[in-house]
Amino acid sequence: MPEPDLNVLHFEFTNRDELYRQIVAAPNFLKTIVDINRSSGTTTNFNREQLYEFLTSSFKNGGSIFLLSLGKTPIGFSIGYHNTRIKKEFTLSYVAITKEHQRKGFGEFFLKKVYRKLESLGYIQISMFENNGAMSQINKKITRSKKYELEKKGSTIIKILKSKRPL
């Protein structure tokens, strides 16, 4: 069970200029993401310049970065963008948790918070580029609830189910 001092910060960008202003205002923003990625053990390796290039190309029509912190220490991130081809779909491109915080429930806690935030922003579907088997296992756990479902077995598309409220 995750420790109670976990926080999820959401940074939403409607265009590249907003992303640039965030980076100027917080120069270590990209470095933090790169450091988390390097310490996560994922095979995806990028530096600040490559990350900035990816973000500016992906965030043409907006996107979000979520940071997971334990106390004041960032331990995870997710990056995604608004899919312009499918209405109300958000595409998660990267998700990473530092190696020492993996297999402790942090990833599941983090993704649930991310999914809830995306739902509150009006998304009805989340597609994901899964970079490891752990992400599949986390999504299977999350979709056991009546809140989310996988589009089909083995899929990386999560449907956000509407809650039924009594009239």
Protein backbone atom coordinates (compact mmCIF):
# COMPACT_ATOMS: atom_id res chain seq x y z
CA MET A 1 0.00 0.00 0.00
CA PRO A 2 1.47 3.39 -0.97
CA GLU A 3 2.56 5.78 1.73
CA PRO A 4 0.16 8.64 2.54
CA ASP A 5 2.65 11.36 1.56
CA LEU A 6 2.16 10.80 -2.18
CA ASN A 7 1.17 13.75 -4.35
CA VAL A 8 0.29 13.98 -8.02
CA LEU A 9 0.90 17.26 -9.80
CA HIS A 10 -0.69 17.98 -13.15
CA PHE A 11 0.82 20.34 -15.70
CA GLU A 12 -1.50 20.98 -18.64
CA PHE A 13 -0.36 22.71 -21.80
CA THR A 14 -2.68 23.87 -24.57
CA ASN A 15 0.20 24.68 -26.91
CA ARG A 16 3.99 24.73 -27.27
CA ASP A 17 4.32 28.28 -25.93
CA GLU A 18 2.84 27.26 -22.57
CA LEU A 19 5.30 24.37 -22.40
CA TYR A 20 8.18 26.74 -23.13
CA ARG A 21 7.04 29.18 -20.42
CA GLN A 22 6.91 26.31 -17.89
CA ILE A 23 10.45 25.26 -18.76
CA VAL A 24 11.73 28.82 -18.48
CA ALA A 25 9.94 29.27 -15.13
CA ALA A 26 11.27 25.95 -13.75
CA PRO A 27 14.59 25.12 -15.44
CA ASN A 28 14.89 21.73 -13.68
CA PHE A 29 11.48 20.58 -14.94
CA LEU A 30 12.85 18.55 -17.88
CA LYS A 31 15.88 17.39 -15.89
CA THR A 32 13.57 15.91 -13.24
CA ILE A 33 11.69 13.88 -15.87
CA VAL A 34 14.93 12.69 -17.49
CA ASP A 35 16.35 11.69 -14.10
CA ILE A 36 13.22 9.71 -13.17
CA ASN A 37 13.26 7.97 -16.54
CA ARG A 38 16.93 7.02 -16.19
CA SER A 39 16.43 5.62 -12.70
CA SER A 40 13.29 3.68 -13.69
CA GLY A 41 15.09 0.97 -15.65
CA THR A 42 13.02 1.49 -18.82
CA THR A 43 14.68 0.90 -22.15
CA THR A 44 13.52 4.30 -23.40
CA ASN A 45 16.40 6.66 -22.86
CA PHE A 46 16.28 10.36 -23.67
CA ASN A 47 18.11 13.51 -22.66
CA ARG A 48 16.62 16.97 -22.03
CA GLU A 49 16.97 18.08 -25.65
CA GLN A 50 15.31 14.92 -26.99
CA LEU A 51 12.54 15.19 -24.41
CA TYR A 52 11.91 18.84 -25.29
CA GLU A 53 11.82 17.96 -28.99
CA PHE A 54 9.32 15.15 -28.33
CA LEU A 55 7.12 17.38 -26.16
CA THR A 56 7.03 20.27 -28.62
CA SER A 57 6.07 17.95 -31.46
CA SER A 58 3.49 16.03 -29.39
CA PHE A 59 1.95 19.06 -27.67
CA LYS A 60 1.00 20.91 -30.87
CA ASN A 61 -2.62 20.61 -29.79
CA GLY A 62 -2.03 20.31 -26.07
CA GLY A 63 -0.84 17.76 -23.61
CA SER A 64 -0.15 16.99 -19.99
CA ILE A 65 2.67 15.96 -17.74
CA PHE A 66 1.88 14.34 -14.41
CA LEU A 67 4.50 14.09 -11.67
CA LEU A 68 4.28 11.69 -8.73
CA SER A 69 6.11 12.85 -5.61
CA LEU A 70 6.83 11.15 -2.33
CA GLY A 71 7.05 14.08 0.03
CA LYS A 72 9.00 16.63 -1.97
CA THR A 73 10.90 14.05 -4.02
CA PRO A 74 9.62 13.33 -7.56
CA ILE A 75 9.51 9.55 -8.10
CA GLY A 76 7.36 9.15 -11.21
CA PHE A 77 5.96 10.84 -14.27
CA SER A 78 3.58 10.33 -17.13
CA ILE A 79 3.43 12.27 -20.37
CA GLY A 80 0.53 12.35 -22.78
CA TYR A 81 -1.25 14.40 -25.36
CA HIS A 82 -4.69 15.10 -26.73
CA ASN A 83 -5.40 12.76 -29.62
CA THR A 84 -6.76 14.94 -32.40
CA ARG A 85 -7.84 11.99 -34.54
CA ILE A 86 -10.20 10.46 -31.98
CA LYS A 87 -12.50 12.76 -30.07
CA LYS A 88 -12.07 12.81 -26.29
CA GLU A 89 -9.12 10.41 -26.34
CA PHE A 90 -5.90 11.02 -24.41
CA THR A 91 -2.73 9.17 -25.41
CA LEU A 92 -0.24 8.33 -22.66
CA SER A 93 3.20 8.12 -24.25
CA TYR A 94 5.44 7.55 -21.25
CA VAL A 95 4.94 6.35 -17.70
CA ALA A 96 7.87 5.73 -15.36
CA ILE A 97 8.46 5.17 -11.64
CA THR A 98 11.95 5.13 -10.12
CA LYS A 99 13.31 1.61 -9.65
CA GLU A 100 13.37 1.77 -5.83
CA HIS A 101 9.67 2.67 -5.77
CA GLN A 102 8.46 -0.02 -8.18
CA ARG A 103 6.39 -3.01 -7.01
CA LYS A 104 5.09 -1.12 -3.99
CA GLY A 105 1.71 0.01 -5.34
CA PHE A 106 2.93 3.45 -6.42
CA GLY A 107 2.28 2.85 -10.12
CA GLU A 108 -1.30 1.73 -9.55
CA PHE A 109 -1.94 4.68 -7.21
CA PHE A 110 -0.41 7.06 -9.76
CA LEU A 111 -2.31 5.79 -12.79
CA LYS A 112 -5.62 5.83 -10.92
CA LYS A 113 -5.02 9.50 -10.07
CA VAL A 114 -4.04 10.26 -13.67
CA TYR A 115 -7.13 8.48 -15.04
CA ARG A 116 -9.42 10.33 -12.61
CA LYS A 117 -7.94 13.66 -13.63
CA LEU A 118 -8.33 12.85 -17.32
CA GLU A 119 -11.93 11.85 -16.69
CA SER A 120 -12.57 15.17 -14.94
CA LEU A 121 -11.16 16.91 -18.02
CA GLY A 122 -13.80 15.20 -20.19
CA TYR A 123 -11.86 12.33 -21.74
CA ILE A 124 -13.75 9.09 -22.31
CA GLN A 125 -10.86 6.98 -23.58
CA ILE A 126 -7.16 6.63 -22.78
CA SER A 127 -4.77 4.89 -25.12
CA MET A 128 -1.34 3.92 -23.93
CA PHE A 129 2.01 2.97 -25.33
CA GLU A 130 2.91 0.27 -22.82
CA ASN A 131 6.64 -0.04 -22.41
CA ASN A 132 6.71 -3.07 -20.12
CA GLY A 133 4.67 -5.92 -18.69
CA ALA A 134 4.23 -4.13 -15.37
CA MET A 135 2.01 -1.52 -17.05
CA SER A 136 -0.22 -4.29 -18.40
CA GLN A 137 -0.56 -5.78 -14.92
CA ILE A 138 -1.39 -2.39 -13.39
CA ASN A 139 -4.02 -1.71 -16.03
CA LYS A 140 -5.56 -5.14 -15.45
CA LYS A 141 -5.90 -4.33 -11.74
CA ILE A 142 -7.35 -0.88 -12.40
CA THR A 143 -9.87 -2.15 -14.91
CA ARG A 144 -11.25 -4.73 -12.49
CA SER A 145 -13.26 -1.89 -10.97
CA LYS A 146 -16.54 -0.81 -12.48
CA LYS A 147 -14.97 2.55 -13.38
CA TYR A 148 -12.72 1.50 -16.27
CA GLU A 149 -12.51 -1.33 -18.76
CA LEU A 150 -10.03 -2.50 -21.32
CA GLU A 151 -11.39 -2.14 -24.83
CA LYS A 152 -10.63 -5.82 -25.37
CA LYS A 153 -8.34 -8.42 -23.85
CA GLY A 154 -4.73 -7.47 -24.46
CA SER A 155 -5.69 -3.95 -25.49
CA THR A 156 -3.90 -0.79 -24.44
CA ILE A 157 -7.07 1.29 -24.72
CA ILE A 158 -8.87 2.06 -21.47
CA LYS A 159 -12.52 3.10 -21.61
CA ILE A 160 -13.74 5.40 -18.87
CA LEU A 161 -17.18 4.18 -17.91
CA LYS A 162 -19.88 6.66 -17.02
CA SER A 163 -21.15 6.28 -13.50
CA LYS A 164 -24.85 5.57 -13.26
CA ARG A 165 -26.53 7.98 -10.94
CA PRO A 166 -30.04 7.40 -9.61
CA LEU A 167 -32.65 9.79 -10.99
